[in-house]
Structure formats: C-alpha cells, structure tokens
N, C-alpha and C. Protein backbone atom coordinates (compact mmCIF):
# COMPACT_ATOMS: atom_id res chain seq x y z
N UNK A 1 -0.78 7.38 9.97
CA UNK A 1 -0.90 8.00 8.76
C UNK A 1 -1.11 9.58 9.00
N UNK A 2 -0.78 10.36 8.07
CA UNK A 2 -0.79 11.72 8.16
C UNK A 2 -1.83 12.50 7.41
N UNK A 3 -2.75 11.64 6.80
CA UNK A 3 -3.83 12.40 5.96
C UNK A 3 -3.32 12.94 4.74
N UNK A 4 -2.13 13.03 4.42
CA UNK A 4 -1.62 13.60 3.13
C UNK A 4 -1.88 12.77 1.93
N UNK A 5 -2.07 13.33 0.76
CA UNK A 5 -2.35 12.78 -0.48
C UNK A 5 -1.18 13.04 -1.35
N UNK A 6 -0.67 11.99 -2.02
CA UNK A 6 0.29 12.08 -3.02
C UNK A 6 -0.03 11.55 -4.28
N UNK A 7 0.78 11.81 -5.25
CA UNK A 7 0.61 11.09 -6.56
C UNK A 7 2.03 10.58 -6.89
N UNK A 8 2.00 9.40 -7.44
CA UNK A 8 3.20 8.64 -7.80
C UNK A 8 3.26 8.66 -9.36
N UNK A 9 4.41 9.11 -9.90
CA UNK A 9 4.55 9.10 -11.38
C UNK A 9 5.89 8.41 -11.52
N UNK A 10 5.75 7.04 -11.88
CA UNK A 10 6.90 6.21 -12.21
C UNK A 10 7.15 6.00 -13.67
N UNK A 11 8.28 5.49 -14.00
CA UNK A 11 8.72 5.23 -15.39
C UNK A 11 10.23 4.96 -15.50
N UNK A 12 10.65 4.63 -16.75
CA UNK A 12 12.08 4.52 -16.83
C UNK A 12 12.68 5.96 -17.00
N UNK A 13 12.01 6.92 -17.58
CA UNK A 13 12.53 8.26 -17.77
C UNK A 13 13.88 8.18 -18.52
N UNK A 14 13.95 7.42 -19.58
CA UNK A 14 15.22 7.09 -20.36
C UNK A 14 15.13 7.61 -21.74
N UNK A 15 15.21 8.94 -22.05
CA UNK A 15 15.57 9.95 -21.06
C UNK A 15 14.27 10.68 -20.66
N UNK A 16 14.44 11.71 -19.56
CA UNK A 16 13.32 12.45 -19.12
C UNK A 16 13.12 13.51 -20.27
N UNK A 17 11.82 13.85 -20.57
CA UNK A 17 11.59 14.77 -21.80
C UNK A 17 10.43 15.77 -21.31
N UNK A 18 10.12 16.59 -22.20
CA UNK A 18 9.10 17.60 -22.02
C UNK A 18 7.73 17.05 -21.77
N UNK A 19 7.49 15.89 -22.40
CA UNK A 19 6.20 15.28 -22.05
C UNK A 19 6.01 14.89 -20.45
N UNK A 20 7.10 14.38 -19.98
CA UNK A 20 7.07 14.01 -18.65
C UNK A 20 6.85 15.35 -17.77
N UNK A 21 7.48 16.40 -18.06
CA UNK A 21 7.35 17.68 -17.40
C UNK A 21 5.90 18.12 -17.45
N UNK A 22 5.36 17.98 -18.64
CA UNK A 22 3.88 18.39 -18.87
C UNK A 22 3.01 17.56 -17.98
N UNK A 23 3.26 16.28 -17.90
CA UNK A 23 2.46 15.47 -17.09
C UNK A 23 2.52 15.89 -15.52
N UNK A 24 3.78 16.21 -15.11
CA UNK A 24 3.99 16.60 -13.72
C UNK A 24 3.15 17.92 -13.44
N UNK A 25 3.39 18.95 -14.35
CA UNK A 25 2.71 20.23 -14.13
C UNK A 25 1.29 19.97 -14.09
N UNK A 26 0.66 19.16 -15.01
CA UNK A 26 -0.77 19.01 -15.02
C UNK A 26 -1.33 18.26 -13.84
N UNK A 27 -0.44 17.31 -13.31
CA UNK A 27 -0.85 16.69 -12.01
C UNK A 27 -1.01 17.61 -10.88
N UNK A 28 0.13 18.34 -10.84
CA UNK A 28 0.14 19.34 -9.70
C UNK A 28 -1.02 20.30 -9.80
N UNK A 29 -1.39 20.69 -10.96
CA UNK A 29 -2.52 21.67 -11.13
C UNK A 29 -3.87 21.01 -10.92
N UNK A 30 -3.98 19.81 -11.40
CA UNK A 30 -5.42 19.19 -11.54
C UNK A 30 -5.69 18.36 -10.24
N UNK A 31 -4.67 17.69 -9.65
CA UNK A 31 -4.96 16.69 -8.50
C UNK A 31 -4.88 17.38 -7.30
N UNK A 32 -5.70 16.99 -6.27
CA UNK A 32 -5.72 17.51 -4.86
C UNK A 32 -4.71 16.62 -4.20
N UNK A 33 -3.39 17.09 -4.35
CA UNK A 33 -2.26 16.40 -3.70
C UNK A 33 -1.39 17.31 -2.92
N UNK A 34 -0.68 16.74 -2.05
CA UNK A 34 0.26 17.49 -1.17
C UNK A 34 1.71 17.42 -1.74
N UNK A 35 1.88 16.35 -2.55
CA UNK A 35 3.23 16.04 -3.09
C UNK A 35 3.09 15.06 -4.35
N UNK A 36 3.97 15.31 -5.15
CA UNK A 36 4.10 14.38 -6.42
C UNK A 36 5.47 13.81 -6.26
N UNK A 37 5.34 12.35 -6.19
CA UNK A 37 6.70 11.71 -5.98
C UNK A 37 6.98 11.05 -7.52
N UNK A 38 8.12 11.40 -7.96
CA UNK A 38 8.63 10.82 -9.20
C UNK A 38 9.50 9.67 -8.90
N UNK A 39 9.31 8.51 -9.47
CA UNK A 39 10.08 7.34 -9.16
C UNK A 39 10.59 6.65 -10.29
N UNK A 40 11.94 6.93 -10.67
CA UNK A 40 12.56 6.17 -11.90
C UNK A 40 12.74 4.78 -11.45
N UNK A 41 12.38 3.94 -12.52
CA UNK A 41 12.57 2.39 -12.30
C UNK A 41 14.03 2.07 -12.31
N UNK A 42 14.52 1.04 -11.54
CA UNK A 42 15.83 0.61 -11.72
C UNK A 42 15.83 -0.24 -12.98
N UNK A 43 14.91 -1.17 -13.13
CA UNK A 43 14.66 -1.86 -14.36
C UNK A 43 13.06 -2.16 -14.53
N UNK A 44 12.46 -1.69 -15.50
CA UNK A 44 11.07 -1.97 -15.65
C UNK A 44 10.93 -3.50 -16.02
N UNK A 45 9.90 -4.05 -15.38
CA UNK A 45 9.58 -5.46 -15.68
C UNK A 45 9.29 -5.73 -17.11
N UNK A 46 8.91 -4.75 -17.90
CA UNK A 46 8.53 -4.87 -19.29
C UNK A 46 9.74 -4.57 -20.27
N UNK A 47 10.87 -4.34 -19.68
CA UNK A 47 12.00 -3.99 -20.58
C UNK A 47 13.24 -4.83 -20.07
N UNK A 48 14.12 -5.08 -21.04
CA UNK A 48 15.35 -5.86 -20.81
C UNK A 48 16.30 -5.04 -19.89
N UNK A 49 16.28 -3.77 -20.07
CA UNK A 49 17.26 -2.85 -19.45
C UNK A 49 16.94 -1.39 -19.96
N UNK A 50 17.84 -0.53 -19.57
CA UNK A 50 17.68 0.84 -20.05
C UNK A 50 19.00 1.26 -20.63
N UNK A 51 18.89 2.25 -21.49
CA UNK A 51 20.13 2.92 -22.12
C UNK A 51 20.99 3.55 -21.02
N UNK A 52 20.38 4.62 -20.38
CA UNK A 52 21.11 5.28 -19.42
C UNK A 52 21.05 4.70 -17.95
N UNK A 53 22.13 4.69 -17.30
CA UNK A 53 22.11 3.91 -15.98
C UNK A 53 21.25 4.64 -14.93
N UNK A 54 20.69 3.86 -13.96
CA UNK A 54 19.66 4.52 -13.15
C UNK A 54 20.20 5.72 -12.43
N UNK A 55 21.40 5.75 -11.99
CA UNK A 55 21.94 6.95 -11.24
C UNK A 55 21.94 8.21 -12.08
N UNK A 56 22.20 7.91 -13.38
CA UNK A 56 22.11 9.16 -14.21
C UNK A 56 20.72 9.67 -14.55
N UNK A 57 19.76 8.78 -14.65
CA UNK A 57 18.41 9.15 -14.86
C UNK A 57 17.85 9.77 -13.62
N UNK A 58 18.24 9.37 -12.45
CA UNK A 58 17.94 10.04 -11.15
C UNK A 58 18.44 11.39 -11.10
N UNK A 59 19.70 11.62 -11.46
CA UNK A 59 20.35 12.88 -11.52
C UNK A 59 19.66 13.82 -12.50
N UNK A 60 19.26 13.39 -13.68
CA UNK A 60 18.55 14.20 -14.65
C UNK A 60 17.23 14.59 -14.19
N UNK A 61 16.48 13.66 -13.55
CA UNK A 61 15.16 13.93 -13.00
C UNK A 61 15.27 15.05 -11.90
N UNK A 62 16.13 14.93 -11.00
CA UNK A 62 16.35 15.85 -9.97
C UNK A 62 16.63 17.36 -10.45
N UNK A 63 17.37 17.39 -11.69
CA UNK A 63 17.77 18.55 -12.25
C UNK A 63 16.55 19.29 -12.87
N UNK A 64 15.62 18.46 -13.48
CA UNK A 64 14.50 19.13 -14.13
C UNK A 64 13.19 19.24 -13.27
N UNK A 65 13.19 18.80 -12.10
CA UNK A 65 11.99 18.97 -11.31
C UNK A 65 12.08 19.93 -10.17
N UNK A 66 13.20 20.73 -10.30
CA UNK A 66 13.43 21.67 -9.16
C UNK A 66 12.49 22.88 -9.35
N UNK A 67 11.62 22.93 -10.30
CA UNK A 67 10.73 24.09 -10.56
C UNK A 67 9.66 24.17 -9.60
N UNK A 68 9.39 23.01 -8.86
CA UNK A 68 8.20 23.05 -7.88
C UNK A 68 8.56 22.25 -6.73
N UNK A 69 8.56 22.84 -5.48
CA UNK A 69 8.97 22.21 -4.29
C UNK A 69 8.08 21.04 -3.94
N UNK A 70 6.88 20.98 -4.49
CA UNK A 70 6.03 19.88 -4.16
C UNK A 70 6.47 18.46 -4.92
N UNK A 71 7.41 18.63 -5.73
CA UNK A 71 7.95 17.41 -6.38
C UNK A 71 9.13 16.88 -5.68
N UNK A 72 8.98 15.55 -5.39
CA UNK A 72 10.20 14.76 -4.88
C UNK A 72 10.54 13.67 -5.78
N UNK A 73 11.79 13.60 -6.12
CA UNK A 73 12.34 12.51 -6.89
C UNK A 73 12.91 11.39 -5.88
N UNK A 74 12.19 10.25 -6.02
CA UNK A 74 12.59 9.18 -5.07
C UNK A 74 13.54 8.20 -5.66
N UNK A 75 14.55 7.71 -4.97
CA UNK A 75 15.53 6.74 -5.39
C UNK A 75 15.04 5.37 -4.85
N UNK A 76 13.70 5.31 -4.38
CA UNK A 76 13.33 3.93 -3.79
C UNK A 76 13.57 2.80 -4.56
N UNK A 77 13.20 2.74 -5.88
CA UNK A 77 13.32 1.58 -6.82
C UNK A 77 14.82 1.44 -7.13
N UNK A 78 15.52 2.49 -7.19
CA UNK A 78 16.99 2.32 -7.64
C UNK A 78 17.70 1.71 -6.54
N UNK A 79 17.37 2.10 -5.34
CA UNK A 79 18.07 1.65 -4.16
C UNK A 79 17.86 0.11 -3.98
N UNK A 80 16.51 -0.28 -4.28
CA UNK A 80 16.15 -1.65 -4.19
C UNK A 80 16.87 -2.55 -5.25
N UNK A 81 17.22 -1.98 -6.35
CA UNK A 81 17.68 -2.66 -7.50
C UNK A 81 16.72 -3.78 -7.98
N UNK A 82 17.07 -4.45 -8.98
CA UNK A 82 16.27 -5.68 -9.50
C UNK A 82 15.04 -4.82 -10.22
N UNK A 83 14.15 -5.91 -10.64
CA UNK A 83 12.83 -5.31 -11.32
C UNK A 83 12.11 -4.50 -10.40
N UNK A 84 11.46 -3.48 -10.96
CA UNK A 84 10.64 -2.55 -10.21
C UNK A 84 9.14 -2.79 -10.44
N UNK A 85 8.48 -3.26 -9.51
CA UNK A 85 7.07 -3.65 -9.58
C UNK A 85 6.32 -2.45 -8.84
N UNK A 86 5.40 -1.90 -9.64
CA UNK A 86 4.59 -0.73 -9.07
C UNK A 86 3.86 -1.04 -7.83
N UNK A 87 3.41 -2.15 -7.65
CA UNK A 87 2.61 -2.61 -6.44
C UNK A 87 3.51 -2.49 -5.29
N UNK A 88 4.72 -2.95 -5.36
CA UNK A 88 5.80 -2.82 -4.27
C UNK A 88 6.06 -1.47 -3.89
N UNK A 89 6.26 -0.54 -4.88
CA UNK A 89 6.49 0.86 -4.71
C UNK A 89 5.33 1.50 -3.98
N UNK A 90 4.21 1.21 -4.45
CA UNK A 90 2.89 1.90 -3.83
C UNK A 90 2.72 1.40 -2.46
N UNK A 91 3.05 0.12 -2.14
CA UNK A 91 2.93 -0.47 -0.80
C UNK A 91 3.73 0.19 0.08
N UNK A 92 5.02 0.60 -0.33
CA UNK A 92 5.95 1.20 0.43
C UNK A 92 5.45 2.66 0.94
N UNK A 93 5.06 3.35 -0.09
CA UNK A 93 4.45 4.68 0.14
C UNK A 93 3.16 4.74 0.83
N UNK A 94 2.41 3.72 0.77
CA UNK A 94 1.11 3.59 1.53
C UNK A 94 1.37 3.60 3.03
N UNK A 95 2.52 3.26 3.41
CA UNK A 95 2.80 3.22 4.87
C UNK A 95 2.81 4.68 5.41
N UNK A 96 3.08 5.65 4.53
CA UNK A 96 3.28 7.04 4.95
C UNK A 96 2.13 8.01 4.57
N UNK A 97 1.34 7.59 3.59
CA UNK A 97 0.33 8.40 3.11
C UNK A 97 -0.99 7.75 2.91
N UNK A 98 -2.08 8.49 3.07
CA UNK A 98 -3.46 7.85 3.05
C UNK A 98 -3.91 7.77 1.66
N UNK A 99 -3.82 8.64 0.77
CA UNK A 99 -4.35 8.57 -0.52
C UNK A 99 -3.26 8.66 -1.44
N UNK A 100 -3.24 7.72 -2.47
CA UNK A 100 -2.28 7.70 -3.50
C UNK A 100 -2.87 7.63 -4.88
N UNK A 101 -2.60 8.63 -5.64
CA UNK A 101 -2.96 8.68 -7.05
C UNK A 101 -1.75 7.92 -7.71
N UNK A 102 -2.06 7.17 -8.74
CA UNK A 102 -0.99 6.59 -9.53
C UNK A 102 -1.16 7.02 -10.98
N UNK A 103 -0.10 7.80 -11.43
CA UNK A 103 -0.10 8.41 -12.86
C UNK A 103 0.43 7.48 -13.77
N UNK A 104 -0.22 7.00 -14.77
CA UNK A 104 0.30 6.31 -15.87
C UNK A 104 0.08 6.86 -17.18
N UNK A 105 0.75 6.52 -18.24
CA UNK A 105 0.57 6.99 -19.58
C UNK A 105 -0.48 6.14 -20.23
N UNK A 106 -1.36 6.79 -21.14
CA UNK A 106 -2.50 6.04 -21.79
C UNK A 106 -1.90 4.75 -22.53
N UNK A 107 -0.73 4.87 -22.97
CA UNK A 107 -0.09 3.65 -23.59
C UNK A 107 0.05 2.39 -22.74
N UNK A 108 -0.23 2.60 -21.41
CA UNK A 108 -0.20 1.41 -20.52
C UNK A 108 -1.50 0.79 -20.32
N UNK A 109 -2.56 1.35 -20.77
CA UNK A 109 -3.83 0.99 -20.46
C UNK A 109 -4.17 -0.51 -20.99
N UNK A 110 -3.76 -0.73 -22.14
CA UNK A 110 -3.91 -1.99 -22.83
C UNK A 110 -3.30 -3.20 -22.08
N UNK A 111 -2.27 -3.06 -21.31
CA UNK A 111 -1.52 -4.05 -20.63
C UNK A 111 -1.76 -3.95 -19.07
N UNK A 112 -2.46 -3.05 -18.50
CA UNK A 112 -2.59 -2.77 -17.28
C UNK A 112 -3.05 -3.95 -16.38
N UNK A 113 -3.91 -4.68 -16.86
CA UNK A 113 -4.42 -5.92 -16.08
C UNK A 113 -3.31 -7.03 -16.04
N UNK A 114 -2.27 -6.90 -16.79
CA UNK A 114 -1.20 -7.86 -16.76
C UNK A 114 -0.06 -7.44 -15.74
N UNK A 115 -0.12 -6.27 -15.26
CA UNK A 115 0.84 -5.80 -14.26
C UNK A 115 0.89 -6.73 -13.02
N UNK A 116 2.08 -6.94 -12.49
CA UNK A 116 2.29 -7.74 -11.33
C UNK A 116 1.24 -7.34 -10.20
N UNK A 117 0.54 -8.26 -9.75
CA UNK A 117 -0.42 -8.14 -8.59
C UNK A 117 -1.35 -6.86 -8.89
N UNK A 118 -1.94 -6.90 -10.16
CA UNK A 118 -2.70 -5.82 -10.56
C UNK A 118 -3.97 -5.58 -9.52
N UNK A 119 -4.47 -6.60 -9.14
CA UNK A 119 -5.71 -6.41 -8.33
C UNK A 119 -5.39 -5.77 -6.98
N UNK A 120 -4.26 -6.17 -6.36
CA UNK A 120 -3.83 -5.55 -5.14
C UNK A 120 -3.58 -4.03 -5.40
N UNK A 121 -2.84 -3.78 -6.49
CA UNK A 121 -2.56 -2.44 -6.78
C UNK A 121 -3.89 -1.58 -7.00
N UNK A 122 -4.78 -2.25 -7.86
CA UNK A 122 -6.02 -1.41 -8.10
C UNK A 122 -6.70 -1.05 -6.72
N UNK A 123 -6.62 -1.87 -5.66
CA UNK A 123 -7.27 -1.55 -4.40
C UNK A 123 -6.49 -0.42 -3.68
N UNK A 124 -5.23 -0.21 -4.01
CA UNK A 124 -4.45 0.77 -3.18
C UNK A 124 -4.45 2.23 -3.81
N UNK A 125 -4.77 2.38 -5.04
CA UNK A 125 -4.52 3.68 -5.72
C UNK A 125 -5.77 4.15 -6.39
N UNK A 126 -5.84 5.41 -6.62
CA UNK A 126 -6.72 6.11 -7.62
C UNK A 126 -6.04 6.41 -8.90
N UNK A 127 -6.51 5.75 -9.99
CA UNK A 127 -5.81 5.75 -11.19
C UNK A 127 -5.91 7.20 -11.82
N UNK A 128 -4.76 7.56 -12.45
CA UNK A 128 -4.81 8.81 -13.22
C UNK A 128 -4.06 8.48 -14.53
N UNK A 129 -4.61 8.92 -15.62
CA UNK A 129 -4.04 8.60 -17.01
C UNK A 129 -3.67 9.94 -17.74
N UNK A 130 -2.49 9.96 -18.08
CA UNK A 130 -1.94 11.09 -18.96
C UNK A 130 -2.34 10.63 -20.40
N UNK A 131 -3.03 11.46 -21.07
CA UNK A 131 -3.52 11.12 -22.48
C UNK A 131 -2.48 11.03 -23.42
N UNK A 132 -2.78 10.26 -24.46
CA UNK A 132 -1.97 10.18 -25.70
C UNK A 132 -2.80 10.25 -26.83
N UNK A 133 -2.40 10.91 -27.78
CA UNK A 133 -3.45 11.06 -29.03
C UNK A 133 -3.79 9.71 -29.47
N UNK A 134 -5.27 9.59 -29.64
CA UNK A 134 -5.71 8.34 -30.23
C UNK A 134 -6.02 7.20 -29.27
N UNK A 135 -5.58 7.41 -28.04
CA UNK A 135 -5.89 6.30 -27.05
C UNK A 135 -7.05 6.79 -26.05
N UNK A 136 -8.15 6.07 -26.13
CA UNK A 136 -9.27 6.34 -25.28
C UNK A 136 -9.02 6.03 -23.95
N UNK A 137 -9.56 6.96 -22.98
CA UNK A 137 -9.29 6.76 -21.59
C UNK A 137 -10.71 6.43 -21.00
N UNK A 138 -10.83 5.30 -20.28
CA UNK A 138 -12.08 4.87 -19.70
C UNK A 138 -12.51 6.03 -18.58
N UNK A 139 -13.82 6.13 -18.46
CA UNK A 139 -14.29 7.18 -17.55
C UNK A 139 -14.05 6.83 -16.14
N UNK A 140 -13.72 5.65 -15.81
CA UNK A 140 -13.35 5.35 -14.42
C UNK A 140 -12.00 5.94 -14.05
N UNK A 141 -11.23 6.34 -14.93
CA UNK A 141 -9.85 6.85 -14.58
C UNK A 141 -9.90 8.46 -14.66
N UNK A 142 -9.10 9.12 -13.81
CA UNK A 142 -8.96 10.47 -13.87
C UNK A 142 -8.05 10.84 -15.02
N UNK A 143 -8.47 11.81 -15.88
CA UNK A 143 -7.67 12.10 -17.14
C UNK A 143 -6.77 13.37 -16.78
N UNK A 144 -5.60 13.29 -17.34
CA UNK A 144 -4.63 14.40 -17.42
C UNK A 144 -4.60 14.65 -18.90
N UNK A 145 -5.07 15.75 -19.55
CA UNK A 145 -4.93 15.94 -20.89
C UNK A 145 -3.60 16.57 -21.22
N UNK A 146 -2.77 15.72 -21.74
CA UNK A 146 -1.38 16.15 -22.00
C UNK A 146 -1.19 16.05 -23.58
N UNK A 147 -1.25 14.82 -24.13
CA UNK A 147 -1.15 14.66 -25.63
C UNK A 147 0.14 15.21 -26.19
N UNK A 148 1.28 14.98 -25.60
CA UNK A 148 2.48 15.43 -26.26
C UNK A 148 3.06 14.49 -27.20
N UNK A 149 3.40 14.75 -28.48
CA UNK A 149 3.83 13.71 -29.33
C UNK A 149 5.25 13.26 -29.33
N UNK A 150 5.62 12.81 -28.02
CA UNK A 150 6.96 12.43 -27.75
C UNK A 150 6.95 11.16 -26.87
N UNK A 151 8.02 10.38 -26.96
CA UNK A 151 8.24 9.31 -26.08
C UNK A 151 9.72 9.07 -25.89
N UNK A 152 10.02 8.48 -24.89
CA UNK A 152 11.45 8.17 -24.53
C UNK A 152 12.06 7.27 -25.58
N UNK A 153 11.21 6.27 -26.04
CA UNK A 153 11.62 5.28 -26.93
C UNK A 153 12.04 5.99 -28.34
N UNK A 154 11.13 6.94 -28.79
CA UNK A 154 11.56 7.66 -29.93
C UNK A 154 12.79 8.47 -29.74
N UNK A 155 13.02 9.20 -28.60
CA UNK A 155 14.20 9.90 -28.37
C UNK A 155 15.47 9.10 -28.31
N UNK A 156 15.34 7.85 -27.76
CA UNK A 156 16.57 6.99 -27.77
C UNK A 156 16.88 6.58 -29.21
N UNK A 157 15.87 6.31 -30.03
CA UNK A 157 16.10 6.05 -31.47
C UNK A 157 16.72 7.16 -32.31
N UNK A 158 16.17 8.35 -31.95
CA UNK A 158 16.69 9.52 -32.64
C UNK A 158 16.51 10.71 -31.77
N UNK A 159 17.57 11.15 -31.10
CA UNK A 159 17.55 12.20 -30.06
C UNK A 159 17.15 13.55 -30.82
N UNK A 160 16.16 14.31 -30.21
CA UNK A 160 15.71 15.47 -30.77
C UNK A 160 15.78 16.51 -29.60
N UNK A 161 16.82 17.39 -29.57
CA UNK A 161 17.05 18.27 -28.46
C UNK A 161 15.82 19.11 -28.06
N UNK A 162 14.97 19.44 -28.98
CA UNK A 162 13.87 20.26 -28.60
C UNK A 162 12.88 19.68 -27.61
N UNK A 163 12.90 18.39 -27.39
CA UNK A 163 12.04 17.58 -26.45
C UNK A 163 12.84 17.43 -25.15
N UNK A 164 14.00 17.82 -24.93
CA UNK A 164 14.85 17.50 -23.74
C UNK A 164 14.66 18.94 -22.94
N UNK A 165 14.42 18.79 -21.67
CA UNK A 165 14.39 20.06 -20.75
C UNK A 165 15.70 20.74 -20.79
N UNK A 166 15.69 22.00 -20.79
CA UNK A 166 16.85 22.76 -20.88
C UNK A 166 17.96 22.59 -19.84
N UNK A 167 17.63 22.34 -18.67
CA UNK A 167 18.72 22.12 -17.63
C UNK A 167 19.64 20.87 -17.94
N UNK A 168 19.08 19.93 -18.68
CA UNK A 168 19.80 18.59 -18.93
C UNK A 168 20.02 18.43 -20.40
N UNK A 169 19.60 19.40 -21.36
CA UNK A 169 19.63 19.02 -22.71
C UNK A 169 20.97 18.68 -23.30
N UNK A 170 21.91 19.55 -22.98
CA UNK A 170 23.37 19.25 -23.53
C UNK A 170 23.79 17.88 -23.17
N UNK A 171 23.67 17.57 -21.84
CA UNK A 171 24.25 16.30 -21.32
C UNK A 171 23.41 15.08 -21.98
N UNK A 172 22.19 15.20 -22.02
CA UNK A 172 21.35 14.23 -22.48
C UNK A 172 21.60 13.88 -24.01
N UNK A 173 21.69 14.89 -24.74
CA UNK A 173 21.95 14.77 -26.16
C UNK A 173 23.41 14.21 -26.41
N UNK A 174 24.27 14.60 -25.68
CA UNK A 174 25.61 14.02 -25.70
C UNK A 174 25.60 12.49 -25.37
N UNK A 175 24.94 12.20 -24.27
CA UNK A 175 24.97 10.73 -23.78
C UNK A 175 24.30 9.93 -24.91
N UNK A 176 23.10 10.15 -25.40
CA UNK A 176 22.44 9.35 -26.29
C UNK A 176 23.02 9.33 -27.67
N UNK A 177 23.80 10.53 -28.06
CA UNK A 177 24.48 10.49 -29.27
C UNK A 177 25.74 9.50 -29.22
N UNK A 178 26.42 9.54 -28.07
CA UNK A 178 27.55 8.69 -27.92
C UNK A 178 27.12 7.27 -27.63
N UNK A 179 26.00 7.00 -27.16
CA UNK A 179 25.51 5.53 -26.80
C UNK A 179 24.58 5.06 -27.84
N UNK A 180 24.31 5.75 -28.88
CA UNK A 180 23.38 5.28 -29.94
C UNK A 180 23.58 3.93 -30.47
N UNK A 181 22.53 3.07 -30.49
CA UNK A 181 22.62 1.64 -30.92
C UNK A 181 23.46 0.77 -30.09
N UNK A 182 23.68 1.09 -28.85
CA UNK A 182 24.45 0.16 -27.90
C UNK A 182 23.53 -0.62 -27.09
C-alpha cells in the first residue's frame, strides 16, 4: 500500500450533469484525498439498463473532468461488463490505496443497507454523502453540501441544456433528443 487516500464517485452518469461536477469539486475541496476516481457503471444493479452506452458516458466524463488533474475517470466497471457492484469496485481499488472515501447521493441512503454485500462494503470505506434537498444525512456520514436540483433521470425525461457541462452540452442534448423515449 502506498498510504494514499482516494475518493470513489460512482454512478450511471446518464447523462453527466452540473450536479455531478459540483459533487466532484466539493469532494476535492473538503476531503483529505490525493485522487478522486470517477467510476461510471456498466449497468447499475438497480437499473435495467442505461440510455447512453457505457463508452459514450465514459467519453463524456473524461471531457468534463479535465478541469482538475486529481480526477481520474476509471473504465474499471465498463471493462468488467455486467452488473456493477460497488463492493467489487472498492475491493479492486483497496489493493492500491489505504483509505477509500465512497461518495454517494443522499437519495441512496434509504436503500443503502440493501446494497450487495453492504456489511463488507461498510468495513472498507468512509461514507460521504452529497446532500439533496429534504433528505436528512445521519451524523455518522461525512456531508458534502451540494443540493443541486437536478438528476440524470429528470434530464433523460426532459433534457435541459443549462444543466449539461459546456464541453459536452451540444453532443448530450443531441443524443438524448434523438433517443427520447427509446
């Protein structure tokens, strides 16, 4: 082990939006980490699939995270294919790093105990929660006060360019407009 501390921020990122960027910036500012690893899921265990293919979501994330060299976009879950279980991803990175902060959205708190091998995961990470309006965050979690009124689900249902990061805005709007209701 190298003594380095990382934070992992996983998700579908379907599409990546300014709320995700706000979480990344807040994590880099608030957490004592050497690196932030952003991990797009191949397929989330809680979803039947994604609108945008994994390679496209990966490309978009790489385009919008170049603002800070401490951010690494990992293709680990995409290369593995199949369902992406957070515990497996954390175990993979635990081989290289001593301390792992795991960033989740407050909307995940209600179902957290149902995550695959939750107890094992709980022993491996320090939990970090990005706030969402109206969702209480227990004191045992590190809080990232973000509260951005946007979600990927909302954007897939009705794309709003103002929430899409500039470097990918045109391509994302075109993609979701062409693939609406598919």
